[in-house]
Each structure stands twice: as C-alpha cells, then as structure tokens.
Amino acid sequence: MADNNTIWDLIATRIAELEDLYARMDETRQLLYMEEFKLKSWDGKHNLDNVINITGNGPAVLANAVVSDLMGAKWQVKVEGNIPDTQARDIELFIEDNFAQADEFLLEQRGQTSLNSWLASHVAIRSYIGVRWITRITDGKYVVDCLPVDMRWTPFRYGTTGLQWVAPITRRPTAELVEEFGQEDALNLPNTNAVGRVIGAVDQREVRDFWDSKTNQIWVDGASIKETPNIFGSPPFVIVAPSVGFMLRDEGYLKHEAEDLFFLNRNLYKEWNRILSVEQTFAFRQLYPAFERETEQMDGRPAAPAPKTGEVRKVKKGELARQVPLGDMNQASQAARADFKGMLELGGISDAELGSAGLNRPGIWFTKQFEIRQKMETGRLEAIKVMKEGLARLMIAQFQAMENSGKVKVGRRGAKHGFTSEMLGDPEDYSITIRFMVSSKTQEIMNMAQATAALSIAPEIVIVRDILKAEDPEGWIRQRELDAARRADPAIALFEMALQHVEEADRLNDDARADAKRIQSKMLTERGVALIRARQQPMPPEDAQLPQPEEPRGSSNPLTSLLGSKGLGAGGIGNEVDEGRPF
C-alpha cells in the first residue's frame, strides 16, 4: 500500500492517466442528455449568431431502446462440476437469493430498483461497470451491502495479482458526513450546528473511498478521516469492461477501450445536428428575406423598407425592391439527409425498428432487425454475465470466510432460505455460469415458427436452447418428457413428482411445510407402486396396446407466413431476391 500521505495524490495521478477515457464518457453524456448543439464558425472557435440550433434526439432514443432490452433480459444461474445435483441446486439458490437480497437493499437504502437496471444503463452508456460487494453477519442476520459504482468517477488500477486498488469518488453534503463519521474537526468545518445548515451546491465535499488489499481509507477534500483494515484481503469489487470496440494498443488507446453505445455514430450525430440546424435556419430566413433597392445616389440614409405580407406600396420607377437570391438547398439537403440517415442506421438501429408499429412487414424483416439490435447488445450482455459470475464467486468466498454456526438465512424478506458453508462446497470443484437472454414478443413468434419447421430435422435440445432460447432448456425438456411419460405411463409421472417433493422439502425452512411435502411424496410413491403391482395381474389380450405419446411432427407452413406474402423480398427488404426464387 502507498504511504498515507500520498493516497490522495496517487488517486489524482490515476485520474490524469484516465483523462482520455473520461473525456469520451463526458462526450457520451452530452449526447445522451441532448445538450444544446451550437452552430459554429468555419474554424469552430465561435458560436454563430442569428441561427437556429437543432439538437437531435437520436442518441437518447437509441440508448433508451437498448437499455430497455438489457433491463428486460432473462437470466439463469447454472452450477456444474464434480458435485451432486442437490448441492448444485443449493449453490444456484444461494446465488439467486443473494442477488434478490441485494435488490432489496438497493431499494431500501438507495432508492434504486435493482442491480440489473443499474448495470444495463451503465454498460451501455459508461461501458465499464463496477460493483462493490460486502456481506457480513450482524446480530445474527445476513447483511448484503451492494454498491454499484459509476466508473466515470471510480479510478482503479490492476496489479500482478488482480485489482490493486479501487477508489470510488462521490460528492456529499457536509452535514451528511458529520452525521456518519462524527469528525467535524477533521472535515475542517466551522464551529456551527451542521444539522441546521443549508445544504447547497457549495456545501459539498469530495469523498474518495480508497480500498487496497490491506486497508479501507476515507478521504475528504485531501484529508484522511477514517482508516480500517480490509478483512477481505483484496478490494471487494468486481470491475468489467465489455468486449466492444477493436482493442488495439496504440498510444492513447484508453480513449477507445470498451467503447460505449454511440461509438459508431459519435461524430455523425454532430454533423446531423449541423445539417438540421442549417436547414432550419435557411427555412426560417425565407420568412424574413433580405431585399435590395437600386438607387442613383449612395448616401447614409436607410432604404425604404420592403412591404410586409399583405401590404401594397407605391415606389418610384427603378426603386423596386428585389429579394436577394439565396439559391436552392432542396436537392443538396435531401441528398445529405438520405446519406446521413443511412450511415446512422448502419451504426445504430433503424427508425422503424425503434418505434414504428404501423408497418406492413414480413416476419423475416423483424427477425433481421432483431439480429441488428443483438449485435449492439451481445458484448454488453456478456459484460453483465461476467459481472454476475464474478459477484457470485465473491459472495461465496465472503460467506465461507464468516464465523457462523448453523444455517444462515439469505434472500429477500419473506422468501429466505437457510445455508451453511458446507452446503456451498469447495468453489474449486464447480463452475458458475450465468446465461442472459434478450427477446421480444415479435421475435418469440418468429422463433416458434422456426421451431415448428425444425421439429422433424433438429434435436430437441437444439430447438429449445438455440431457436426458442428457453430460460431453462434442460428444465423445459424435463417437463416435456414428464408430460410424455404421464401420457404413456402414469406411474413414471408419480415417481418423478414424488422425487421433486422430497427435494423441495429439503430446501424448506418451515418444518411443518417440509413434513407435508414428505407425506405427499410418500403418498405419490405408494400410488405408483400400486399401479406397478396392478400390472402383475394376468396380461391383457394380445391386441391390447399401451398408449404411446404422439411424436411431434415438423411443418414448413409457418415459414410461409414468416417470409411474407411475396417471399423474402416482401416488405421492402431483400428486394434483390426475385419473386418466386426458392428460399
């Protein structure tokens, strides 16, 4: 760890090293908040007067669409390894309960709806995402302290063994700091009642929460006010950079590291605003055109004003006011608009896909647009996936390092489950995978059409996992198999349900409900046994047959509607394909 006297400077040095990255983040924020565009002179140094400035909403609309998709993504925890299935399910439930309790903490302590919503927004806008995760047992209760951090204000540095240090920066009212730390002298406050002070923009202190492998230090405006040992042995953070961009390592590469949502169109948005502003200024000037009059004597007197709309004036012969010609911008403007609109859609999402529902398009068109959107979301979903997997490892390590006896209840209020360190096993013996899936109702209909057509040629796991993109493909298939088994032989379904009741009973903390589940399991087992014994009676006639489940059959009919009434070329896309040409 660096010497205490240099911690503030150490952080300041790292901020300077990240200056290019932070400048890019600031530019993205300006686009997102639609900060007013200003038409400038040719050299770009001066704002022009007497012009109309237009700020387009394209970046904000694009961001809102992608962030909404990411927020609505479904996710599933999967634990696999050299461990029993029951233990794998316990670990999966522990991870899910931790995230549920973290969401409850964020809502109650910070007013945030969920960790997912924060990550979805920041992975698109800031690109880098970071979370501080601290768990502890207080008064016998398991406490989750989850703090998602804004990476624009979180300098960090990696070392040879991982994160070397992290220092989230915030600005907080002085009274709030006094209430939390109770050190008025250390904060250099005047000797006044801090609670009664008016908190305004000036009364803000810069707070740097420094973590390294040994200590946690709180610095305020250059002064260290608190230092405690770091019991975790490393900064309790997970920081992830999405694999978006081209990852070159030229000089100054940080400015282009882990690009945000606007990187393909960033410079085009500026030019689009310029085009709109010039057009509007030109159009407005036609309401107040410039005129000129011929005169024989050039003196200092102003010319007679031109008539206003609806006026008729007499003028001497030869003094007719003529409008100064401005030229025709229509053709150039339309060409520029078309070119820029095409480029913006190449780097983003089409206007139609973003919001227009009144389109007569075939299903294949919507499928194509969904694929375009997925290209913008895949890398960011991967970053959220890696973040949650890292947090899962961190929560397990912290839980197993605690000194506790018996089961500790984890989860959202009213839905907690008990866990012990032994239930989580050795983290080296298993892998943790978190899957994220983004879909839409339109795309789900398209997927079902493709799945129906593929039934006769593709394995069921491929259809369920890759085409239907089920949240739990293995569980989906198990349920289908159970349904088929129930139709073919009720005894199989009874035994399967009996086993599920036993497993559910083992996870319940309520002894009465657990006993009821075990009794139900026993009754189902007895019923299944009775069915098997009944079969030991004399065999039925030779022509009697047991009922067999009906095998699903594929059909290509759904693809017909998927392609539209005119095949792949319908709806304005794929027009290069001749009508009637096979798919």
Foldseek 3Di string as FASTA:
>chain_A
DDDPLCPVVVQVVLCVVLVLLLVLLVLLVCLQVQPWFFDADPVRPGGDPLFFFDGDNVSNLQLVLQLVLQLPWFKAKFKDFDDDPLLRVVLRVQLVQQQQLQQVCCCVPPVDRHPSSVLSNCCQRSVKWKKFWDWDADPQAIDIDIDTARVSQKRWDADPVGTFKIKGKDKDAPLVVCVVQVCCVQQVHPPDDSVPDDTDPVRIWIWIFMDGQFWTWIDTPSTTRDIDTDPVRGRRMDMFHFPDFDPDDDVPCSSGGSDHLCVQCSVLSSVVSVLVRVVVSVVVCVQVFDKDFDDDDDDDDDDDDDDHPPDDDDDDPRGDIDTDDDDDCVVVSVVVVVVSLVSVCVSTAHPCLSDPPPAPAFQVVNVVRVVVSCVSCVRSSVRVFVRSQVVSVSVLSNQLPYDDDFWHWGRDPPDTWTDDNVSNPDVVRMGMGMDIDGDDPSQLLVLVLVLQQCQVPDDQLCSVCPRNVDNDSVVVVVVVVLVQCCQQPVLVNLQVQLVVLQSVLVGDPDVVSSVVSNVSSVVSNVVSVVVVVVCVPDDDDPPDDGDGGDRRDHDNVSVCRNQPPQGVPPRPPPVVDDGPDDD
